[in-house]
Amino acid sequence: MRFSPGKTLHVTSLQWAFLILSLFTISFAYAQIPQGYYTSAQNKNGYALRLAMHNIIKNHASESYNGLWNAFYSTDRRPDNGKVWDIYSDRPGSTPVYYFTFGSDQCGNYSGEGDCYNREHSVPKSWFGGSVAPMYTDLFHLYPTDGFVNSKRGNLPIGKVTNATWTSSNGSKVGTSNVPGYSGQVFEPIDSFKGDFARTYFYMAVCYMDKNLGVETQSNFIGGNLKPWSKDLLLQWASMDPVSKKEIDRNNAVYQIQHNRNPFIDFPELAEMIFGSDTNLTFTTHIPIQEPSTWKIYPNPITNQLNIQLSDNQTDNISIELYDMMGKLRMTIQNAYEDHIQLDMSPFAQGIYLLKVANDQNIYTYKIVKQ
C-alpha cells in the first residue's frame, strides 16, 4: 500500500505533550551513545542544560598536534575509496576534481588546489589565542582539508557570501557577508556541509563556554558565546542540513580517541533547546525503542520512499502519523491492514521528522531523516 501527502486517509491530532515526549526521548538508531553518558543532563533546560552538557564533554583526552594526522585515518576516511574526506573539495552527488591520499599528500608546500591536505581549525586558532590546549587539537573542530582552500579561508568567520571574490572547485566561497549583523568578509562552505559547521560551532560554544573563542573581533564568537548574527545563521544551517551518516560515524570515531561526544550530533534538537526558541523544553535522554523484531522502517536517512514493513500478526488497525520538527502533522494513515506500507516523502523538505506507528497494543516512535 502506497500513500502520499495528497492521499491521506484521515487527519487526527495528538496531544502536544505526547509529541514533545516522543520527540525528545528518541535518537538515531545507529548513533552509538554509551549508556548513561547524558544522564546528568536529564530533566534540564535552557542555561542549566547548556552547563550540564559542558560538564559532560569538557574533560576529554587531548591529542597531540602531530597525532592528528593518524587520527584522520579513522575520523575522515571516505567509505567509497579510502581517500581523505575533504569537505573543501568534496562534491556530494558528483565526483570531486581530485582526491587526497592519507600520508603521502600531507602538506607541505602548496600553490593551488589539489596539492596537499592539512589540519584545518574550523574555529581558527587565532580566535582562541593560538596553540591553547585542548582547543588546539580538539578533533571535533579539526578537519583534513585542502591546504590552498584553507589558506583562502584563513581566519575569516563562516557566513553567507554575496559577491564572491573567490570560489573553490566544489563551490566553497570567500566574499562579502550577506548576513544581517555582519558586513565583513566571510567564508561560506557548500550546502552539504553547512549543518556540519553549525553543529561543530555549537559544540565549541558548549565545550568551551568558559573560554574566550573571540580573541579576534573578526570571529563568530564573543567570549565563549556565539555572536547573535552567527547563532541565527547557524540555527538555519543546522535545520537546512540535517545530521548525516558521515557526522554520526565521525562522532563515534572521535569518541574512541577523545572519549567525549558532540551532543548536537547525538541530539540535533539540542540546537534549538540551548541556542534557539525551545529553551523552555526539558531534555530527556534517549530511551531505546523496543519495536517488534520483525518490523522494519527503512531506509533511514531517506531520499524519497519510506518503507514500513510489519509482521503478519501485527497489522491489525495500524495508524501512522508523521510530524515535522515544528510539531505540524504532515501525513496521517488510519485503519491500515497492510504488512508493507510505503510513504512518499519526495514532496517534503530536507530535515528531521517524527514517525509514530501504532496498533491496538503498542505505539512506537522513530526519528526519520529526509535528505
Protein backbone atom coordinates (compact mmCIF):
# COMPACT_ATOMS: atom_id res chain seq x y z
CA MET A 1 0.00 0.00 0.00
CA ARG A 2 1.46 3.40 -1.02
CA PHE A 3 0.49 6.76 0.45
CA SER A 4 1.48 10.31 -0.38
CA PRO A 5 0.77 13.66 1.32
CA GLY A 6 -2.14 14.27 -1.04
CA LYS A 7 -3.79 10.92 -0.31
CA THR A 8 -4.12 10.78 3.46
CA LEU A 9 -7.00 8.74 4.74
CA HIS A 10 -7.86 10.68 7.86
CA VAL A 11 -6.27 13.54 9.82
CA THR A 12 -6.18 13.42 13.60
CA SER A 13 -4.33 15.40 16.28
CA LEU A 14 -2.13 14.16 19.12
CA GLN A 15 -1.75 15.77 22.49
CA TRP A 16 1.19 18.18 22.34
CA ALA A 17 2.63 16.58 25.46
CA PHE A 18 2.89 13.23 23.68
CA LEU A 19 4.67 14.82 20.74
CA ILE A 20 7.24 16.54 22.91
CA LEU A 21 7.80 13.40 24.95
CA SER A 22 8.27 11.30 21.83
CA LEU A 23 10.42 13.86 20.06
CA PHE A 24 12.96 14.22 22.81
CA THR A 25 13.18 10.66 24.09
CA ILE A 26 14.32 9.11 20.83
CA SER A 27 17.51 9.35 18.85
CA PHE A 28 19.06 7.83 15.77
CA ALA A 29 19.05 4.06 16.00
CA TYR A 30 22.58 3.92 14.63
CA ALA A 31 24.12 6.51 17.00
CA GLN A 32 26.34 4.61 19.43
CA ILE A 33 25.77 6.65 22.58
CA PRO A 34 27.30 4.99 25.66
CA GLN A 35 24.72 4.07 28.25
CA GLY A 36 24.35 6.80 30.87
CA TYR A 37 26.57 9.29 29.02
CA TYR A 38 23.99 12.09 29.11
CA THR A 39 22.26 11.17 32.38
CA SER A 40 23.43 14.28 34.25
CA ALA A 41 21.65 16.49 31.69
CA GLN A 42 18.34 14.72 32.32
CA ASN A 43 15.34 16.99 33.01
CA LYS A 44 17.29 20.22 32.47
CA ASN A 45 16.56 23.07 30.09
CA GLY A 46 17.96 26.40 28.95
CA TYR A 47 21.23 27.54 30.54
CA ALA A 48 21.19 24.67 33.05
CA LEU A 49 21.09 22.24 30.12
CA ARG A 50 23.99 24.00 28.41
CA LEU A 51 26.04 23.89 31.62
CA ALA A 52 25.25 20.20 32.13
CA MET A 53 26.39 19.41 28.58
CA HIS A 54 29.53 21.47 29.15
CA ASN A 55 30.42 19.42 32.20
CA ILE A 56 29.80 16.17 30.32
CA ILE A 57 32.03 16.92 27.31
CA LYS A 58 34.72 19.31 28.61
CA ASN A 59 37.11 16.79 30.17
CA HIS A 60 38.36 14.86 27.17
CA ALA A 61 41.65 13.34 26.12
CA SER A 62 43.88 15.81 24.31
CA GLU A 63 45.50 14.58 21.10
CA SER A 64 48.95 15.85 20.11
CA TYR A 65 49.12 18.08 17.06
CA ASN A 66 51.25 15.54 15.17
CA GLY A 67 48.86 12.81 16.28
CA LEU A 68 46.06 14.44 14.28
CA TRP A 69 47.48 13.01 11.06
CA ASN A 70 46.92 9.47 12.32
CA ALA A 71 43.56 10.35 13.89
CA PHE A 72 42.24 11.43 10.49
CA TYR A 73 42.64 7.86 9.24
CA SER A 74 39.70 6.83 11.41
CA THR A 75 37.71 10.08 11.58
CA ASP A 76 37.80 11.29 7.97
CA ARG A 77 38.27 8.34 5.65
CA ARG A 78 35.92 8.16 2.66
CA PRO A 79 33.91 4.91 2.69
CA ASP A 80 33.88 4.64 -1.12
CA ASN A 81 37.59 4.72 -1.88
CA GLY A 82 39.53 5.10 1.37
CA LYS A 83 40.78 8.57 0.45
CA VAL A 84 40.71 11.69 2.64
CA TRP A 85 37.18 13.06 3.12
CA ASP A 86 37.95 16.73 2.44
CA ILE A 87 34.91 18.96 2.95
CA TYR A 88 36.56 21.75 0.93
CA SER A 89 36.81 19.65 -2.25
CA ASP A 90 34.07 17.02 -1.83
CA ARG A 91 31.08 17.33 -4.17
CA PRO A 92 28.26 15.14 -2.81
CA GLY A 93 26.32 13.57 -5.64
CA SER A 94 29.17 14.20 -8.04
CA THR A 95 32.87 13.36 -8.40
CA PRO A 96 35.44 15.69 -6.81
CA VAL A 97 38.06 17.19 -9.10
CA TYR A 98 40.76 15.49 -7.00
CA TYR A 99 41.29 13.18 -4.02
CA PHE A 100 43.99 13.16 -1.36
CA THR A 101 45.81 10.03 -0.21
CA PHE A 102 46.49 9.68 3.50
CA GLY A 103 50.11 10.26 4.43
CA SER A 104 51.64 10.89 1.03
CA ASP A 105 49.56 14.02 0.33
CA GLN A 106 50.11 15.79 3.67
CA CYS A 107 51.13 19.45 3.41
CA GLY A 108 53.87 20.75 2.81
CA ASN A 109 54.06 23.41 0.33
CA TYR A 110 51.20 24.22 -1.99
CA SER A 111 50.47 26.66 -4.79
CA GLY A 112 46.96 25.65 -5.83
CA GLU A 113 44.03 23.37 -5.17
CA GLY A 114 44.71 19.66 -5.02
CA ASP A 115 48.36 19.98 -3.94
CA CYS A 116 48.01 18.66 -0.38
CA TYR A 117 45.79 18.45 2.70
CA ASN A 118 46.43 20.00 6.09
CA ARG A 119 44.92 20.22 9.58
CA GLU A 120 42.17 22.83 9.37
CA HIS A 121 40.95 24.53 12.53
CA SER A 122 37.35 25.20 11.51
CA VAL A 123 37.36 27.54 14.50
CA PRO A 124 40.63 29.32 13.64
CA LYS A 125 43.30 29.04 16.33
CA SER A 126 43.86 32.81 16.33
CA TRP A 127 40.30 33.17 17.66
CA PHE A 128 41.28 31.45 20.91
CA GLY A 129 44.86 32.65 21.23
CA GLY A 130 46.92 30.12 19.26
CA SER A 131 48.25 26.78 20.50
CA VAL A 132 45.98 26.68 23.55
CA ALA A 133 45.13 23.21 24.87
CA PRO A 134 42.82 21.45 24.45
CA MET A 135 41.09 23.59 21.77
CA TYR A 136 44.20 23.48 19.59
CA THR A 137 43.86 19.76 18.89
CA ASP A 138 40.16 19.08 19.53
CA LEU A 139 39.13 16.79 16.68
CA PHE A 140 35.55 17.95 16.75
CA HIS A 141 36.61 21.18 15.02
CA LEU A 142 39.71 19.92 13.23
CA TYR A 143 39.28 18.52 9.73
CA PRO A 144 41.68 17.43 6.98
CA THR A 145 41.19 19.97 4.19
CA ASP A 146 42.83 21.25 1.03
CA GLY A 147 45.71 23.44 2.15
CA PHE A 148 45.18 26.03 -0.57
CA VAL A 149 41.45 26.39 0.14
CA ASN A 150 42.24 26.62 3.83
CA SER A 151 44.66 29.47 3.10
CA LYS A 152 41.93 31.29 1.18
CA ARG A 153 39.59 30.90 4.14
CA GLY A 154 42.30 31.98 6.60
CA ASN A 155 40.72 33.17 9.83
CA LEU A 156 37.55 34.53 8.25
CA PRO A 157 34.23 33.91 10.02
CA ILE A 158 31.87 31.47 8.36
CA GLY A 159 28.82 33.10 6.86
CA LYS A 160 26.73 33.64 3.76
CA VAL A 161 28.53 35.26 0.84
CA THR A 162 27.32 37.85 -1.60
CA ASN A 163 29.61 38.92 -4.45
CA ALA A 164 32.15 36.11 -4.10
CA THR A 165 35.75 37.14 -4.71
CA TRP A 166 36.95 33.53 -4.89
CA THR A 167 35.25 30.15 -5.34
CA SER A 168 36.78 26.69 -4.89
CA SER A 169 36.29 23.73 -7.20
CA ASN A 170 33.45 22.40 -5.04
CA GLY A 171 31.72 25.77 -4.60
CA SER A 172 33.08 27.00 -1.26
CA LYS A 173 33.25 30.80 -1.37
CA VAL A 174 35.04 33.82 0.01
CA GLY A 175 33.38 37.20 -0.20
CA THR A 176 31.34 39.92 1.47
CA SER A 177 28.87 38.84 4.13
CA ASN A 178 25.20 38.72 3.25
CA VAL A 179 24.08 38.18 6.85
CA PRO A 180 22.31 40.94 8.82
CA GLY A 181 24.57 41.99 11.66
CA TYR A 182 27.92 41.41 9.94
CA SER A 183 29.25 43.16 6.84
CA GLY A 184 32.85 41.95 6.65
CA GLN A 185 34.48 39.18 4.64
CA VAL A 186 33.32 35.61 5.31
CA PHE A 187 33.87 32.05 4.16
CA GLU A 188 30.83 30.01 3.02
CA PRO A 189 31.04 26.20 2.80
CA ILE A 190 28.80 24.32 0.40
CA ASP A 191 25.24 23.49 1.49
CA SER A 192 26.02 19.82 2.17
CA PHE A 193 28.40 20.74 5.00
CA LYS A 194 26.70 23.80 6.49
CA GLY A 195 25.00 21.68 9.12
CA ASP A 196 28.36 20.07 9.94
CA PHE A 197 29.85 23.51 10.58
CA ALA A 198 26.83 24.60 12.61
CA ARG A 199 26.98 21.57 14.92
CA THR A 200 30.76 22.00 15.22
CA TYR A 201 30.33 25.59 16.36
CA PHE A 202 27.52 24.67 18.78
CA TYR A 203 29.86 22.05 20.26
CA MET A 204 32.63 24.64 20.68
CA ALA A 205 30.24 27.13 22.30
CA VAL A 206 29.28 24.49 24.89
CA CYS A 207 32.56 22.63 25.45
CA TYR A 208 34.49 25.90 25.76
CA MET A 209 31.80 28.20 27.11
CA ASP A 210 34.23 29.19 29.88
CA LYS A 211 36.98 30.15 27.37
CA ASN A 212 37.45 33.08 25.00
CA LEU A 213 36.84 31.98 21.41
CA GLY A 214 36.59 35.59 20.28
CA VAL A 215 40.09 36.92 20.92
CA GLU A 216 39.85 38.48 17.47
CA THR A 217 36.87 40.67 16.67
CA GLN A 218 36.68 39.01 13.24
CA SER A 219 35.10 35.88 14.68
CA ASN A 220 31.79 34.07 15.02
CA PHE A 221 32.24 34.19 18.80
CA ILE A 222 32.30 36.74 21.58
CA GLY A 223 33.92 35.19 24.61
CA GLY A 224 32.52 31.67 24.85
CA ASN A 225 29.25 32.59 23.12
CA LEU A 226 28.18 32.80 19.52
CA LYS A 227 27.52 36.30 18.28
CA PRO A 228 23.78 36.88 17.67
CA TRP A 229 24.11 37.10 13.88
CA SER A 230 26.21 33.93 13.86
CA LYS A 231 23.86 31.99 16.14
CA ASP A 232 20.82 32.82 14.00
CA LEU A 233 22.61 31.77 10.80
CA LEU A 234 23.92 28.52 12.29
CA LEU A 235 20.48 27.55 13.55
CA GLN A 236 19.22 27.98 9.99
CA TRP A 237 22.07 25.86 8.65
CA ALA A 238 21.52 23.11 11.22
CA SER A 239 17.86 22.87 10.23
CA MET A 240 18.55 23.06 6.49
CA ASP A 241 21.32 20.44 6.51
CA PRO A 242 20.33 17.64 8.95
CA VAL A 243 22.75 15.24 10.60
CA SER A 244 24.33 12.90 8.08
CA LYS A 245 25.73 9.41 8.47
CA LYS A 246 29.16 10.97 7.90
CA GLU A 247 28.72 13.08 11.04
CA ILE A 248 27.40 10.16 13.07
CA ASP A 249 30.32 7.94 12.06
CA ARG A 250 32.80 10.75 12.75
CA ASN A 251 31.24 11.42 16.15
CA ASN A 252 31.70 7.76 17.09
CA ALA A 253 35.28 7.72 15.77
CA VAL A 254 36.28 10.86 17.68
CA TYR A 255 34.72 9.40 20.82
CA GLN A 256 37.10 6.44 20.56
CA ILE A 257 40.05 8.88 20.56
CA GLN A 258 38.96 11.74 22.82
CA HIS A 259 36.33 9.96 24.94
CA ASN A 260 33.78 12.74 24.52
CA ARG A 261 30.99 13.34 22.04
CA ASN A 262 29.28 16.13 20.12
CA PRO A 263 25.79 16.19 21.68
CA PHE A 264 24.40 18.21 18.77
CA ILE A 265 25.01 15.21 16.52
CA ASP A 266 23.54 12.74 19.00
CA PHE A 267 20.52 15.01 19.65
CA PRO A 268 20.09 17.57 16.83
CA GLU A 269 17.14 19.16 18.68
CA LEU A 270 19.60 20.48 21.30
CA ALA A 271 20.48 23.33 18.93
CA GLU A 272 17.06 24.93 19.45
CA MET A 273 16.89 23.82 23.10
CA ILE A 274 20.14 25.60 24.01
CA PHE A 275 20.55 28.36 21.42
CA GLY A 276 17.15 28.75 19.82
CA SER A 277 13.48 29.13 20.62
CA ASP A 278 12.99 25.90 22.60
CA THR A 279 14.92 26.79 25.77
CA ASN A 280 11.80 26.09 27.84
CA LEU A 281 11.75 22.43 26.76
CA THR A 282 13.20 19.81 29.09
CA PHE A 283 15.86 17.42 27.85
CA THR A 284 15.21 13.71 28.30
CA THR A 285 17.88 11.20 27.44
CA HIS A 286 17.30 8.57 24.81
CA ILE A 287 15.16 5.57 25.72
CA PRO A 288 15.83 2.75 23.23
CA ILE A 289 12.78 1.73 21.22
CA GLN A 290 11.88 -1.94 21.53
CA GLU A 291 9.77 -2.48 18.44
CA PRO A 292 8.89 -5.99 17.27
CA SER A 293 11.97 -7.62 15.79
CA THR A 294 10.07 -8.36 12.58
CA TRP A 295 9.23 -4.68 11.96
CA LYS A 296 11.43 -2.69 9.60
CA ILE A 297 11.44 1.06 8.92
CA TYR A 298 13.80 1.75 6.02
CA PRO A 299 15.77 3.40 4.58
CA ASN A 300 16.86 5.98 7.16
CA PRO A 301 18.14 8.52 6.13
CA ILE A 302 15.66 8.65 3.25
CA THR A 303 15.52 10.42 -0.09
CA ASN A 304 12.06 9.65 -1.49
CA GLN A 305 10.21 6.49 -0.41
CA LEU A 306 9.93 5.28 3.19
CA ASN A 307 9.04 1.62 3.70
CA ILE A 308 7.22 0.31 6.74
CA GLN A 309 7.38 -3.48 6.85
CA LEU A 310 5.22 -5.14 9.52
CA SER A 311 4.88 -8.75 10.59
CA ASP A 312 1.66 -10.56 9.65
CA ASN A 313 0.38 -10.73 13.21
CA GLN A 314 0.96 -7.02 13.86
CA THR A 315 -1.06 -5.49 11.03
CA ASP A 316 -4.47 -5.05 12.66
CA ASN A 317 -5.69 -1.46 12.83
CA ILE A 318 -2.37 0.20 12.08
CA SER A 319 -2.22 4.00 12.33
CA ILE A 320 0.68 6.13 11.16
CA GLU A 321 1.36 9.81 11.83
CA LEU A 322 4.23 11.91 10.51
CA TYR A 323 5.26 15.22 12.14
CA ASP A 324 7.86 17.81 11.24
CA MET A 325 10.17 19.40 13.81
CA MET A 326 7.74 22.25 14.34
CA GLY A 327 5.12 19.77 15.55
CA LYS A 328 2.97 20.07 12.43
CA LEU A 329 1.12 16.92 11.36
CA ARG A 330 2.20 16.27 7.77
CA MET A 331 0.66 12.86 6.99
CA THR A 332 -1.83 10.50 8.63
CA ILE A 333 -2.92 6.95 7.82
CA GLN A 334 -5.69 5.33 9.85
CA ASN A 335 -7.02 1.77 9.98
CA ALA A 336 -4.46 0.27 7.63
CA TYR A 337 -4.26 -3.52 7.42
CA GLU A 338 -1.28 -3.96 5.09
CA ASP A 339 2.02 -5.58 6.06
CA HIS A 340 4.00 -3.30 3.72
CA ILE A 341 3.20 0.42 3.64
CA GLN A 342 5.09 2.92 1.50
CA LEU A 343 5.15 6.64 2.28
CA ASP A 344 6.03 9.12 -0.45
CA MET A 345 8.43 11.59 1.20
CA SER A 346 9.58 13.28 -2.01
CA PRO A 347 7.41 16.43 -1.57
CA PHE A 348 8.88 17.13 1.87
CA ALA A 349 11.86 19.37 2.54
CA GLN A 350 15.11 18.05 3.96
CA GLY A 351 15.07 17.77 7.71
CA ILE A 352 14.09 15.63 10.67
CA TYR A 353 10.62 14.11 11.06
CA LEU A 354 8.89 12.15 13.79
CA LEU A 355 7.09 8.98 12.70
CA LYS A 356 4.54 7.34 15.03
CA VAL A 357 3.41 3.81 14.19
CA ALA A 358 0.71 2.29 16.39
CA ASN A 359 -1.50 -0.78 16.51
CA ASP A 360 -4.08 -1.93 19.06
CA GLN A 361 -1.40 -2.94 21.54
CA ASN A 362 1.59 -0.61 21.19
CA ILE A 363 2.90 2.76 19.99
CA TYR A 364 6.38 3.05 18.50
CA THR A 365 8.20 6.27 17.57
CA TYR A 366 11.02 6.81 15.12
CA LYS A 367 13.12 9.78 14.06
CA ILE A 368 13.36 9.95 10.27
CA VAL A 369 15.98 11.99 8.41
CA LYS A 370 14.94 13.30 4.98
CA GLN A 371 17.95 14.13 2.80
